[in-house]
């Protein structure tokens, strides 16, 4: 199953080589989910996909397509958000003017729903 999320790049780590041939690169985005709190999400790219971040910089708005990978090791459980496609979000003036108008109605119901939480 695949997912997608849009956000602004906060941190891009260097590519690491683990073992003789396994490469991994992590990056973090601040998600644009309309919630009242900042939502920082860490992703991982592996092997040839570590180059996906080469054309992006911190501060760029991107859409990340990813899947969730989980594994067990010595009775512990680990999850990774494995990014497999990254798209730069258009920064043209016209799309950004229409985007807030489309996003505003979504943000209001989220705020109302969060006020119903018991904590």
PDB file of N, CA and C in Angstrom:
ATOM      1  N   UNK A   1       0.848  -1.169   0.000  1.00  0.00           N
ATOM      2  CA  UNK A   1       0.000   0.000   0.000  1.00  0.00           C
ATOM      3  C   UNK A   1       0.893   1.230   0.000  1.00  0.00           C
ATOM      4  N   UNK A   2       0.539   2.214  -0.788  1.00  0.00           N
ATOM      5  CA  UNK A   2       1.364   3.422  -0.844  1.00  0.00           C
ATOM      6  C   UNK A   2       0.574   4.631  -0.337  1.00  0.00           C
ATOM      7  N   UNK A   3       1.312   5.626   0.121  1.00  0.00           N
ATOM      8  CA  UNK A   3       0.758   6.841   0.683  1.00  0.00           C
ATOM      9  C   UNK A   3       1.469   8.029   0.072  1.00  0.00           C
ATOM     10  N   UNK A   4       0.930   9.219   0.299  1.00  0.00           N
ATOM     11  CA  UNK A   4       1.612  10.439  -0.117  1.00  0.00           C
ATOM     12  C   UNK A   4       1.324  11.539   0.892  1.00  0.00           C
ATOM     13  N   UNK A   5       2.284  12.465   0.991  1.00  0.00           N
ATOM     14  CA  UNK A   5       2.162  13.584   1.913  1.00  0.00           C
ATOM     15  C   UNK A   5       2.933  14.763   1.323  1.00  0.00           C
ATOM     16  N   UNK A   6       2.453  15.962   1.593  1.00  0.00           N
ATOM     17  CA  UNK A   6       3.108  17.176   1.107  1.00  0.00           C
ATOM     18  C   UNK A   6       3.672  17.940   2.293  1.00  0.00           C
ATOM     19  N   UNK A   7       4.863  18.510   2.103  1.00  0.00           N
ATOM     20  CA  UNK A   7       5.473  19.285   3.177  1.00  0.00           C
ATOM     21  C   UNK A   7       6.725  19.995   2.707  1.00  0.00           C
ATOM     22  N   UNK A   8       7.344  20.693   3.637  1.00  0.00           N
ATOM     23  CA  UNK A   8       8.553  21.467   3.363  1.00  0.00           C
ATOM     24  C   UNK A   8       9.745  20.703   3.938  1.00  0.00           C
ATOM     25  N   UNK A   9      10.814  20.600   3.148  1.00  0.00           N
ATOM     26  CA  UNK A   9      12.008  19.879   3.587  1.00  0.00           C
ATOM     27  C   UNK A   9      12.684  20.654   4.717  1.00  0.00           C
ATOM     28  N   UNK A  10      12.908  19.961   5.832  1.00  0.00           N
ATOM     29  CA  UNK A  10      13.567  20.555   6.996  1.00  0.00           C
ATOM     30  C   UNK A  10      15.031  20.130   7.058  1.00  0.00           C
ATOM     31  N   UNK A  11      15.309  18.877   6.734  1.00  0.00           N
ATOM     32  CA  UNK A  11      16.669  18.335   6.870  1.00  0.00           C
ATOM     33  C   UNK A  11      16.890  17.263   5.807  1.00  0.00           C
ATOM     34  N   UNK A  12      18.052  17.313   5.156  1.00  0.00           N
ATOM     35  CA  UNK A  12      18.472  16.272   4.218  1.00  0.00           C
ATOM     36  C   UNK A  12      19.819  15.750   4.697  1.00  0.00           C
ATOM     37  N   UNK A  13      19.871  14.480   5.046  1.00  0.00           N
ATOM     38  CA  UNK A  13      21.131  13.881   5.499  1.00  0.00           C
ATOM     39  C   UNK A  13      21.935  13.378   4.305  1.00  0.00           C
ATOM     40  N   UNK A  14      23.212  13.179   4.522  1.00  0.00           N
ATOM     41  CA  UNK A  14      24.096  12.622   3.495  1.00  0.00           C
ATOM     42  C   UNK A  14      23.783  11.132   3.314  1.00  0.00           C
ATOM     43  N   UNK A  15      24.126  10.617   2.151  1.00  0.00           N
ATOM     44  CA  UNK A  15      23.962   9.188   1.883  1.00  0.00           C
ATOM     45  C   UNK A  15      24.979   8.413   2.702  1.00  0.00           C
ATOM     46  N   UNK A  16      24.517   7.347   3.358  1.00  0.00           N
ATOM     47  CA  UNK A  16      25.387   6.488   4.157  1.00  0.00           C
ATOM     48  C   UNK A  16      25.490   5.130   3.478  1.00  0.00           C
ATOM     49  N   UNK A  17      26.675   4.542   3.514  1.00  0.00           N
ATOM     50  CA  UNK A  17      26.870   3.187   3.004  1.00  0.00           C
ATOM     51  C   UNK A  17      26.982   2.263   4.199  1.00  0.00           C
ATOM     52  N   UNK A  18      26.136   1.250   4.210  1.00  0.00           N
ATOM     53  CA  UNK A  18      26.131   0.283   5.312  1.00  0.00           C
ATOM     54  C   UNK A  18      26.505  -1.068   4.715  1.00  0.00           C
ATOM     55  N   UNK A  19      27.508  -1.677   5.272  1.00  0.00           N
ATOM     56  CA  UNK A  19      28.018  -2.900   4.676  1.00  0.00           C
ATOM     57  C   UNK A  19      28.806  -2.555   3.424  1.00  0.00           C
ATOM     58  N   UNK A  20      28.889  -3.490   2.500  1.00  0.00           N
ATOM     59  CA  UNK A  20      29.664  -3.250   1.288  1.00  0.00           C
ATOM     60  C   UNK A  20      28.871  -2.548   0.197  1.00  0.00           C
ATOM     61  N   UNK A  21      27.548  -2.752   0.163  1.00  0.00           N
ATOM     62  CA  UNK A  21      26.817  -2.225  -0.991  1.00  0.00           C
ATOM     63  C   UNK A  21      25.461  -1.592  -0.675  1.00  0.00           C
ATOM     64  N   UNK A  22      25.026  -1.585   0.567  1.00  0.00           N
ATOM     65  CA  UNK A  22      23.717  -1.029   0.900  1.00  0.00           C
ATOM     66  C   UNK A  22      23.849   0.453   1.213  1.00  0.00           C
ATOM     67  N   UNK A  23      23.065   1.295   0.490  1.00  0.00           N
ATOM     68  CA  UNK A  23      23.089   2.735   0.704  1.00  0.00           C
ATOM     69  C   UNK A  23      21.734   3.200   1.224  1.00  0.00           C
ATOM     70  N   UNK A  24      21.774   4.188   2.127  1.00  0.00           N
ATOM     71  CA  UNK A  24      20.555   4.728   2.710  1.00  0.00           C
ATOM     72  C   UNK A  24      20.732   6.234   2.898  1.00  0.00           C
ATOM     73  N   UNK A  25      19.631   6.976   2.734  1.00  0.00           N
ATOM     74  CA  UNK A  25      19.642   8.430   2.944  1.00  0.00           C
ATOM     75  C   UNK A  25      18.321   8.819   3.588  1.00  0.00           C
ATOM     76  N   UNK A  26      18.403   9.594   4.660  1.00  0.00           N
ATOM     77  CA  UNK A  26      17.214  10.035   5.388  1.00  0.00           C
ATOM     78  C   UNK A  26      16.967  11.520   5.127  1.00  0.00           C
ATOM     79  N   UNK A  27      15.698  11.908   5.214  1.00  0.00           N
ATOM     80  CA  UNK A  27      15.332  13.316   5.149  1.00  0.00           C
ATOM     81  C   UNK A  27      14.068  13.527   5.964  1.00  0.00           C
ATOM     82  N   UNK A  28      13.845  14.777   6.377  1.00  0.00           N
ATOM     83  CA  UNK A  28      12.708  15.127   7.234  1.00  0.00           C
ATOM     84  C   UNK A  28      11.934  16.256   6.569  1.00  0.00           C
ATOM     85  N   UNK A  29      10.593  16.147   6.614  1.00  0.00           N
ATOM     86  CA  UNK A  29       9.749  17.234   6.133  1.00  0.00           C
ATOM     87  C   UNK A  29       8.839  17.695   7.264  1.00  0.00           C
ATOM     88  N   UNK A  30       8.405  18.934   7.160  1.00  0.00           N
ATOM     89  CA  UNK A  30       7.368  19.464   8.042  1.00  0.00           C
ATOM     90  C   UNK A  30       6.092  19.382   7.219  1.00  0.00           C
ATOM     91  N   UNK A  31       5.191  18.494   7.616  1.00  0.00           N
ATOM     92  CA  UNK A  31       3.998  18.190   6.828  1.00  0.00           C
ATOM     93  C   UNK A  31       3.001  19.334   6.835  1.00  0.00           C
ATOM     94  N   UNK A  32       2.356  19.534   5.701  1.00  0.00           N
ATOM     95  CA  UNK A  32       1.290  20.525   5.557  1.00  0.00           C
ATOM     96  C   UNK A  32      -0.043  19.827   5.778  1.00  0.00           C
ATOM     97  N   UNK A  33      -0.330  19.454   7.018  1.00  0.00           N
ATOM     98  CA  UNK A  33      -1.559  18.714   7.288  1.00  0.00           C
ATOM     99  C   UNK A  33      -2.678  19.574   7.860  1.00  0.00           C
ATOM    100  N   UNK A  34      -2.442  20.854   8.060  1.00  0.00           N
ATOM    101  CA  UNK A  34      -3.484  21.754   8.528  1.00  0.00           C
ATOM    102  C   UNK A  34      -3.795  21.635  10.010  1.00  0.00           C
ATOM    103  N   UNK A  35      -3.066  20.796  10.734  1.00  0.00           N
ATOM    104  CA  UNK A  35      -3.312  20.625  12.160  1.00  0.00           C
ATOM    105  C   UNK A  35      -2.747  21.768  12.976  1.00  0.00           C
ATOM    106  N   UNK A  36      -3.123  21.844  14.239  1.00  0.00           N
ATOM    107  CA  UNK A  36      -2.666  22.947  15.085  1.00  0.00           C
ATOM    108  C   UNK A  36      -1.207  22.809  15.536  1.00  0.00           C
ATOM    109  N   UNK A  37      -0.608  21.632  15.386  1.00  0.00           N
ATOM    110  CA  UNK A  37       0.762  21.411  15.833  1.00  0.00           C
ATOM    111  C   UNK A  37       1.651  21.041  14.651  1.00  0.00           C
ATOM    112  N   UNK A  38       2.948  21.363  14.755  1.00  0.00           N
ATOM    113  CA  UNK A  38       3.906  20.985  13.720  1.00  0.00           C
ATOM    114  C   UNK A  38       3.996  19.471  13.655  1.00  0.00           C
ATOM    115  N   UNK A  39       4.090  18.955  12.436  1.00  0.00           N
ATOM    116  CA  UNK A  39       4.168  17.516  12.224  1.00  0.00           C
ATOM    117  C   UNK A  39       5.412  17.229  11.391  1.00  0.00           C
ATOM    118  N   UNK A  40       6.478  16.786  12.048  1.00  0.00           N
ATOM    119  CA  UNK A  40       7.729  16.470  11.378  1.00  0.00           C
ATOM    120  C   UNK A  40       7.756  14.976  11.076  1.00  0.00           C
ATOM    121  N   UNK A  41       8.047  14.633   9.812  1.00  0.00           N
ATOM    122  CA  UNK A  41       8.020  13.237   9.387  1.00  0.00           C
ATOM    123  C   UNK A  41       9.372  12.895   8.763  1.00  0.00           C
ATOM    124  N   UNK A  42       9.973  11.792   9.220  1.00  0.00           N
ATOM    125  CA  UNK A  42      11.262  11.342   8.730  1.00  0.00           C
ATOM    126  C   UNK A  42      11.064  10.214   7.723  1.00  0.00           C
ATOM    127  N   UNK A  43      11.739  10.328   6.580  1.00  0.00           N
ATOM    128  CA  UNK A  43      11.654   9.325   5.523  1.00  0.00           C
ATOM    129  C   UNK A  43      13.028   8.748   5.245  1.00  0.00           C
ATOM    130  N   UNK A  44      13.021   7.617   4.559  1.00  0.00           N
ATOM    131  CA  UNK A  44      14.254   6.946   4.173  1.00  0.00           C
ATOM    132  C   UNK A  44      14.205   6.614   2.695  1.00  0.00           C
ATOM    133  N   UNK A  45      15.330   6.768   1.999  1.00  0.00           N
ATOM    134  CA  UNK A  45      15.474   6.265   0.639  1.00  0.00           C
ATOM    135  C   UNK A  45      16.634   5.272   0.654  1.00  0.00           C
ATOM    136  N   UNK A  46      16.578   4.274  -0.226  1.00  0.00           N
ATOM    137  CA  UNK A  46      17.622   3.261  -0.253  1.00  0.00           C
ATOM    138  C   UNK A  46      18.124   3.037  -1.672  1.00  0.00           C
ATOM    139  N   UNK A  47      19.333   2.496  -1.737  1.00  0.00           N
ATOM    140  CA  UNK A  47      20.009   2.109  -2.975  1.00  0.00           C
ATOM    141  C   UNK A  47      19.988   3.236  -4.010  1.00  0.00           C
ATOM    142  N   UNK A  48      19.496   2.987  -5.221  1.00  0.00           N
ATOM    143  CA  UNK A  48      19.495   3.998  -6.287  1.00  0.00           C
ATOM    144  C   UNK A  48      18.588   5.181  -5.968  1.00  0.00           C
ATOM    145  N   UNK A  49      17.608   4.982  -5.119  1.00  0.00           N
ATOM    146  CA  UNK A  49      16.674   6.066  -4.799  1.00  0.00           C
ATOM    147  C   UNK A  49      17.268   7.109  -3.857  1.00  0.00           C
ATOM    148  N   UNK A  50      18.470   6.872  -3.343  1.00  0.00           N
ATOM    149  CA  UNK A  50      19.109   7.895  -2.511  1.00  0.00           C
ATOM    150  C   UNK A  50      19.377   9.160  -3.325  1.00  0.00           C
ATOM    151  N   UNK A  51      19.451   9.035  -4.648  1.00  0.00           N
ATOM    152  CA  UNK A  51      19.694  10.194  -5.523  1.00  0.00           C
ATOM    153  C   UNK A  51      18.448  11.054  -5.706  1.00  0.00           C
ATOM    154  N   UNK A  52      17.283  10.596  -5.245  1.00  0.00           N
ATOM    155  CA  UNK A  52      16.051  11.376  -5.387  1.00  0.00           C
ATOM    156  C   UNK A  52      16.149  12.746  -4.731  1.00  0.00           C
ATOM    157  N   UNK A  53      16.918  12.869  -3.687  1.00  0.00           N
ATOM    158  CA  UNK A  53      17.020  14.133  -2.952  1.00  0.00           C
ATOM    159  C   UNK A  53      18.085  15.072  -3.512  1.00  0.00           C
ATOM    160  N   UNK A  54      18.860  14.626  -4.511  1.00  0.00           N
ATOM    161  CA  UNK A  54      19.939  15.453  -5.051  1.00  0.00           C
ATOM    162  C   UNK A  54      19.441  16.765  -5.649  1.00  0.00           C
ATOM    163  N   UNK A  55      18.249  16.767  -6.218  1.00  0.00           N
ATOM    164  CA  UNK A  55      17.718  17.969  -6.876  1.00  0.00           C
ATOM    165  C   UNK A  55      16.885  18.849  -5.943  1.00  0.00           C
ATOM    166  N   UNK A  56      16.849  18.521  -4.664  1.00  0.00           N
ATOM    167  CA  UNK A  56      16.024  19.268  -3.710  1.00  0.00           C
ATOM    168  C   UNK A  56      16.895  19.885  -2.626  1.00  0.00           C
ATOM    169  N   UNK A  57      16.390  20.965  -2.048  1.00  0.00           N
ATOM    170  CA  UNK A  57      17.106  21.680  -0.982  1.00  0.00           C
ATOM    171  C   UNK A  57      16.187  21.872   0.212  1.00  0.00           C
ATOM    172  N   UNK A  58      16.787  22.120   1.363  1.00  0.00           N
ATOM    173  CA  UNK A  58      15.999  22.433   2.551  1.00  0.00           C
ATOM    174  C   UNK A  58      15.182  23.684   2.261  1.00  0.00           C
ATOM    175  N   UNK A  59      13.904  23.668   2.622  1.00  0.00           N
ATOM    176  CA  UNK A  59      13.007  24.783   2.354  1.00  0.00           C
ATOM    177  C   UNK A  59      12.111  24.553   1.151  1.00  0.00           C
ATOM    178  N   UNK A  60      12.443  23.571   0.297  1.00  0.00           N
ATOM    179  CA  UNK A  60      11.600  23.249  -0.858  1.00  0.00           C
ATOM    180  C   UNK A  60      10.331  22.543  -0.400  1.00  0.00           C
ATOM    181  N   UNK A  61       9.224  22.841  -1.079  1.00  0.00           N
ATOM    182  CA  UNK A  61       7.980  22.127  -0.805  1.00  0.00           C
ATOM    183  C   UNK A  61       7.894  20.947  -1.776  1.00  0.00           C
ATOM    184  N   UNK A  62       7.664  19.759  -1.220  1.00  0.00           N
ATOM    185  CA  UNK A  62       7.641  18.546  -2.032  1.00  0.00           C
ATOM    186  C   UNK A  62       6.447  17.669  -1.682  1.00  0.00           C
ATOM    187  N   UNK A  63       6.127  16.762  -2.581  1.00  0.00           N
ATOM    188  CA  UNK A  63       5.149  15.711  -2.320  1.00  0.00           C
ATOM    189  C   UNK A  63       5.928  14.400  -2.312  1.00  0.00           C
ATOM    190  N   UNK A  64       5.806  13.638  -1.229  1.00  0.00           N
ATOM    191  CA  UNK A  64       6.535  12.383  -1.070  1.00  0.00           C
ATOM    192  C   UNK A  64       5.555  11.224  -1.225  1.00  0.00           C
ATOM    193  N   UNK A  65       5.883  10.309  -2.105  1.00  0.00           N
ATOM    194  CA  UNK A  65       5.143   9.057  -2.255  1.00  0.00           C
ATOM    195  C   UNK A  65       5.957   8.001  -1.511  1.00  0.00           C
ATOM    196  N   UNK A  66       5.309   7.256  -0.620  1.00  0.00           N
ATOM    197  CA  UNK A  66       6.055   6.334   0.235  1.00  0.00           C
ATOM    198  C   UNK A  66       5.211   5.121   0.602  1.00  0.00           C
ATOM    199  N   UNK A  67       5.875   4.123   1.145  1.00  0.00           N
ATOM    200  CA  UNK A  67       5.191   2.983   1.735  1.00  0.00           C
ATOM    201  C   UNK A  67       5.787   2.741   3.123  1.00  0.00           C
ATOM    202  N   UNK A  68       5.095   1.952   3.895  1.00  0.00           N
ATOM    203  CA  UNK A  68       5.521   1.674   5.266  1.00  0.00           C
ATOM    204  C   UNK A  68       6.113   0.277   5.298  1.00  0.00           C
ATOM    205  N   UNK A  69       7.320   0.179   5.819  1.00  0.00           N
ATOM    206  CA  UNK A  69       7.998  -1.109   5.945  1.00  0.00           C
ATOM    207  C   UNK A  69       8.206  -1.389   7.423  1.00  0.00           C
ATOM    208  N   UNK A  70       7.894  -2.592   7.842  1.00  0.00           N
ATOM    209  CA  UNK A  70       8.086  -2.979   9.233  1.00  0.00           C
ATOM    210  C   UNK A  70       8.840  -4.291   9.313  1.00  0.00           C
ATOM    211  N   UNK A  71       9.594  -4.455  10.382  1.00  0.00           N
ATOM    212  CA  UNK A  71      10.332  -5.700  10.564  1.00  0.00           C
ATOM    213  C   UNK A  71      10.522  -5.972  12.054  1.00  0.00           C
ATOM    214  N   UNK A  72      10.856  -7.213  12.344  1.00  0.00           N
ATOM    215  CA  UNK A  72      11.113  -7.627  13.711  1.00  0.00           C
ATOM    216  C   UNK A  72      12.563  -8.075  13.814  1.00  0.00           C
ATOM    217  N   UNK A  73      13.200  -7.702  14.917  1.00  0.00           N
ATOM    218  CA  UNK A  73      14.571  -8.142  15.172  1.00  0.00           C
ATOM    219  C   UNK A  73      14.739  -8.288  16.673  1.00  0.00           C
ATOM    220  N   UNK A  74      15.060  -9.475  17.118  1.00  0.00           N
ATOM    221  CA  UNK A  74      15.270  -9.790  18.535  1.00  0.00           C
ATOM    222  C   UNK A  74      14.122  -9.274  19.407  1.00  0.00           C
ATOM    223  N   UNK A  75      12.930  -9.627  19.047  1.00  0.00           N
ATOM    224  CA  UNK A  75      11.707  -9.271  19.773  1.00  0.00           C
ATOM    225  C   UNK A  75      11.468  -7.764  19.866  1.00  0.00           C
ATOM    226  N   UNK A  76      12.059  -6.998  18.942  1.00  0.00           N
ATOM    227  CA  UNK A  76      11.789  -5.574  18.823  1.00  0.00           C
ATOM    228  C   UNK A  76      11.213  -5.336  17.434  1.00  0.00           C
ATOM    229  N   UNK A  77      10.420  -4.283  17.318  1.00  0.00           N
ATOM    230  CA  UNK A  77       9.757  -3.990  16.049  1.00  0.00           C
ATOM    231  C   UNK A  77      10.190  -2.613  15.559  1.00  0.00           C
ATOM    232  N   UNK A  78      10.447  -2.522  14.268  1.00  0.00           N
ATOM    233  CA  UNK A  78      10.915  -1.293  13.650  1.00  0.00           C
ATOM    234  C   UNK A  78      10.068  -0.981  12.431  1.00  0.00           C
ATOM    235  N   UNK A  79       9.855   0.311  12.170  1.00  0.00           N
ATOM    236  CA  UNK A  79       9.122   0.757  10.989  1.00  0.00           C
ATOM    237  C   UNK A  79       9.942   1.818  10.274  1.00  0.00           C
ATOM    238  N   UNK A  80       9.827   1.828   8.951  1.00  0.00           N
ATOM    239  CA  UNK A  80      10.448   2.856   8.120  1.00  0.00           C
ATOM    240  C   UNK A  80       9.409   3.385   7.151  1.00  0.00           C
ATOM    241  N   UNK A  81       9.457   4.671   6.895  1.00  0.00           N
ATOM    242  CA  UNK A  81       8.664   5.264   5.829  1.00  0.00           C
ATOM    243  C   UNK A  81       9.608   5.339   4.636  1.00  0.00           C
ATOM    244  N   UNK A  82       9.389   4.445   3.681  1.00  0.00           N
ATOM    245  CA  UNK A  82      10.288   4.264   2.552  1.00  0.00           C
ATOM    246  C   UNK A  82       9.825   5.106   1.367  1.00  0.00           C
ATOM    247  N   UNK A  83      10.509   6.222   1.112  1.00  0.00           N
ATOM    248  CA  UNK A  83      10.143   7.109   0.002  1.00  0.00           C
ATOM    249  C   UNK A  83      10.610   6.497  -1.313  1.00  0.00           C
ATOM    250  N   UNK A  84       9.715   6.474  -2.295  1.00  0.00           N
ATOM    251  CA  UNK A  84      10.090   5.918  -3.597  1.00  0.00           C
ATOM    252  C   UNK A  84       9.862   6.903  -4.746  1.00  0.00           C
ATOM    253  N   UNK A  85       9.214   8.017  -4.475  1.00  0.00           N
ATOM    254  CA  UNK A  85       9.028   9.055  -5.490  1.00  0.00           C
ATOM    255  C   UNK A  85       8.878  10.398  -4.785  1.00  0.00           C
ATOM    256  N   UNK A  86       9.531  11.436  -5.334  1.00  0.00           N
ATOM    257  CA  UNK A  86       9.470  12.771  -4.749  1.00  0.00           C
ATOM    258  C   UNK A  86       9.200  13.758  -5.868  1.00  0.00           C
ATOM    259  N   UNK A  87       8.172  14.586  -5.677  1.00  0.00           N
ATOM    260  CA  UNK A  87       7.806  15.600  -6.662  1.00  0.00           C
ATOM    261  C   UNK A  87       7.939  16.971  -6.031  1.00  0.00           C
ATOM    262  N   UNK A  88       8.515  17.898  -6.782  1.00  0.00           N
ATOM    263  CA  UNK A  88       8.585  19.278  -6.306  1.00  0.00           C
ATOM    264  C   UNK A  88       7.208  19.908  -6.508  1.00  0.00           C
ATOM    265  N   UNK A  89       6.678  20.565  -5.494  1.00  0.00           N
ATOM    266  CA  UNK A  89       5.388  21.237  -5.596  1.00  0.00           C
ATOM    267  C   UNK A  89       5.615  22.553  -6.318  1.00  0.00           C
ATOM    268  N   UNK A  90       4.770  22.866  -7.262  1.00  0.00           N
ATOM    269  CA  UNK A  90       4.927  24.077  -8.064  1.00  0.00           C
ATOM    270  C   UNK A  90       4.926  25.302  -7.175  1.00  0.00           C
ATOM    271  N   UNK A  91       5.837  26.217  -7.465  1.00  0.00           N
ATOM    272  CA  UNK A  91       5.904  27.457  -6.685  1.00  0.00           C
ATOM    273  C   UNK A  91       5.446  28.654  -7.508  1.00  0.00           C
ATOM    274  N   UNK A  92       4.729  28.390  -8.620  1.00  0.00           N
ATOM    275  CA  UNK A  92       4.213  29.483  -9.452  1.00  0.00           C
ATOM    276  C   UNK A  92       3.167  30.267  -8.676  1.00  0.00           C
ATOM    277  N   UNK A  93       2.991  31.546  -8.996  1.00  0.00           N
ATOM    278  CA  UNK A  93       2.086  32.431  -8.248  1.00  0.00           C
ATOM    279  C   UNK A  93       0.633  31.979  -8.354  1.00  0.00           C
ATOM    280  N   UNK A  94       0.176  31.578  -9.526  1.00  0.00           N
ATOM    281  CA  UNK A  94      -1.232  31.219  -9.679  1.00  0.00           C
ATOM    282  C   UNK A  94      -1.616  29.979  -8.874  1.00  0.00           C
ATOM    283  N   UNK A  95      -0.871  28.854  -8.941  1.00  0.00           N
ATOM    284  CA  UNK A  95      -1.265  27.703  -8.139  1.00  0.00           C
ATOM    285  C   UNK A  95      -1.223  27.975  -6.644  1.00  0.00           C
ATOM    286  N   UNK A  96      -0.259  28.769  -6.158  1.00  0.00           N
ATOM    287  CA  UNK A  96      -0.197  29.015  -4.723  1.00  0.00           C
ATOM    288  C   UNK A  96      -1.348  29.901  -4.253  1.00  0.00           C
ATOM    289  N   UNK A  97      -1.888  30.754  -5.154  1.00  0.00           N
ATOM    290  CA  UNK A  97      -3.035  31.569  -4.770  1.00  0.00           C
ATOM    291  C   UNK A  97      -4.290  30.713  -4.646  1.00  0.00           C
ATOM    292  N   UNK A  98      -4.431  29.717  -5.494  1.00  0.00           N
ATOM    293  CA  UNK A  98      -5.621  28.867  -5.425  1.00  0.00           C
ATOM    294  C   UNK A  98      -5.491  27.812  -4.335  1.00  0.00           C
ATOM    295  N   UNK A  99      -4.283  27.398  -3.997  1.00  0.00           N
ATOM    296  CA  UNK A  99      -4.101  26.356  -2.998  1.00  0.00           C
ATOM    297  C   UNK A  99      -4.609  26.769  -1.611  1.00  0.00           C
ATOM    298  N   UNK A 100      -4.303  27.990  -1.087  1.00  0.00           N
ATOM    299  CA  UNK A 100      -4.819  28.338   0.229  1.00  0.00           C
ATOM    300  C   UNK A 100      -6.341  28.379   0.279  1.00  0.00           C
ATOM    301  N   UNK A 101      -6.980  28.816  -0.786  1.00  0.00           N
ATOM    302  CA  UNK A 101      -8.440  28.845  -0.797  1.00  0.00           C
ATOM    303  C   UNK A 101      -8.995  27.437  -0.715  1.00  0.00           C
ATOM    304  N   UNK A 102      -8.344  26.490  -1.384  1.00  0.00           N
ATOM    305  CA  UNK A 102      -8.800  25.105  -1.338  1.00  0.00           C
ATOM    306  C   UNK A 102      -8.481  24.477   0.009  1.00  0.00           C
ATOM    307  N   UNK A 103      -7.369  24.880   0.638  1.00  0.00           N
ATOM    308  CA  UNK A 103      -6.958  24.278   1.899  1.00  0.00           C
ATOM    309  C   UNK A 103      -7.726  24.848   3.087  1.00  0.00           C
ATOM    310  N   UNK A 104      -8.197  26.080   3.007  1.00  0.00           N
ATOM    311  CA  UNK A 104      -8.859  26.715   4.140  1.00  0.00           C
ATOM    312  C   UNK A 104     -10.085  25.943   4.623  1.00  0.00           C
ATOM    313  N   UNK A 105     -10.994  25.478   3.763  1.00  0.00           N
ATOM    314  CA  UNK A 105     -12.129  24.731   4.276  1.00  0.00           C
ATOM    315  C   UNK A 105     -11.722  23.446   4.977  1.00  0.00           C
ATOM    316  N   UNK A 106     -10.619  22.831   4.565  1.00  0.00           N
ATOM    317  CA  UNK A 106     -10.168  21.608   5.211  1.00  0.00           C
ATOM    318  C   UNK A 106      -9.655  21.891   6.615  1.00  0.00           C
ATOM    319  N   UNK A 107      -9.001  23.027   6.817  1.00  0.00           N
ATOM    320  CA  UNK A 107      -8.406  23.321   8.113  1.00  0.00           C
ATOM    321  C   UNK A 107      -9.463  23.574   9.184  1.00  0.00           C
ATOM    322  N   UNK A 108     -10.592  24.186   8.833  1.00  0.00           N
ATOM    323  CA  UNK A 108     -11.612  24.484   9.836  1.00  0.00           C
ATOM    324  C   UNK A 108     -12.233  23.227  10.439  1.00  0.00           C
ATOM    325  N   UNK A 109     -12.667  22.228   9.639  1.00  0.00           N
ATOM    326  CA  UNK A 109     -13.214  21.029  10.258  1.00  0.00           C
ATOM    327  C   UNK A 109     -12.197  20.299  11.126  1.00  0.00           C
ATOM    328  N   UNK A 110     -10.931  20.305  10.757  1.00  0.00           N
ATOM    329  CA  UNK A 110      -9.908  19.645  11.568  1.00  0.00           C
ATOM    330  C   UNK A 110      -9.825  20.309  12.931  1.00  0.00           C
ATOM    331  N   UNK A 111      -9.858  21.645  12.965  1.00  0.00           N
ATOM    332  CA  UNK A 111      -9.785  22.368  14.234  1.00  0.00           C
ATOM    333  C   UNK A 111     -10.999  22.052  15.106  1.00  0.00           C
ATOM    334  N   UNK A 112     -12.192  21.971  14.496  1.00  0.00           N
ATOM    335  CA  UNK A 112     -13.387  21.653  15.261  1.00  0.00           C
ATOM    336  C   UNK A 112     -13.316  20.237  15.812  1.00  0.00           C
ATOM    337  N   UNK A 113     -12.851  19.295  15.009  1.00  0.00           N
ATOM    338  CA  UNK A 113     -12.769  17.906  15.442  1.00  0.00           C
ATOM    339  C   UNK A 113     -11.769  17.757  16.576  1.00  0.00           C
ATOM    340  N   UNK A 114     -10.647  18.502  16.527  1.00  0.00           N
ATOM    341  CA  UNK A 114      -9.642  18.361  17.565  1.00  0.00           C
ATOM    342  C   UNK A 114     -10.137  18.907  18.905  1.00  0.00           C
ATOM    343  N   UNK A 115     -11.101  19.838  18.890  1.00  0.00           N
ATOM    344  CA  UNK A 115     -11.609  20.377  20.149  1.00  0.00           C
ATOM    345  C   UNK A 115     -12.518  19.376  20.862  1.00  0.00           C
ATOM    346  N   UNK A 116     -12.945  18.326  20.163  1.00  0.00           N
ATOM    347  CA  UNK A 116     -13.788  17.294  20.768  1.00  0.00           C
ATOM    348  C   UNK A 116     -12.963  16.222  21.482  1.00  0.00           C
ATOM    349  N   UNK A 117     -11.639  16.282  21.380  1.00  0.00           N
ATOM    350  CA  UNK A 117     -10.808  15.274  21.985  1.00  0.00           C
ATOM    351  C   UNK A 117     -10.866  15.381  23.516  1.00  0.00           C
ATOM    352  N   UNK A 118     -10.853  14.261  24.221  1.00  0.00           N
ATOM    353  CA  UNK A 118     -10.985  14.279  25.671  1.00  0.00           C
ATOM    354  C   UNK A 118      -9.725  14.720  26.412  1.00  0.00           C
ATOM    355  N   UNK A 119      -8.643  15.033  25.724  1.00  0.00           N
ATOM    356  CA  UNK A 119      -7.416  15.430  26.433  1.00  0.00           C
ATOM    357  C   UNK A 119      -6.891  16.724  25.929  1.00  0.00           C
TER     358      UNK A 119
END
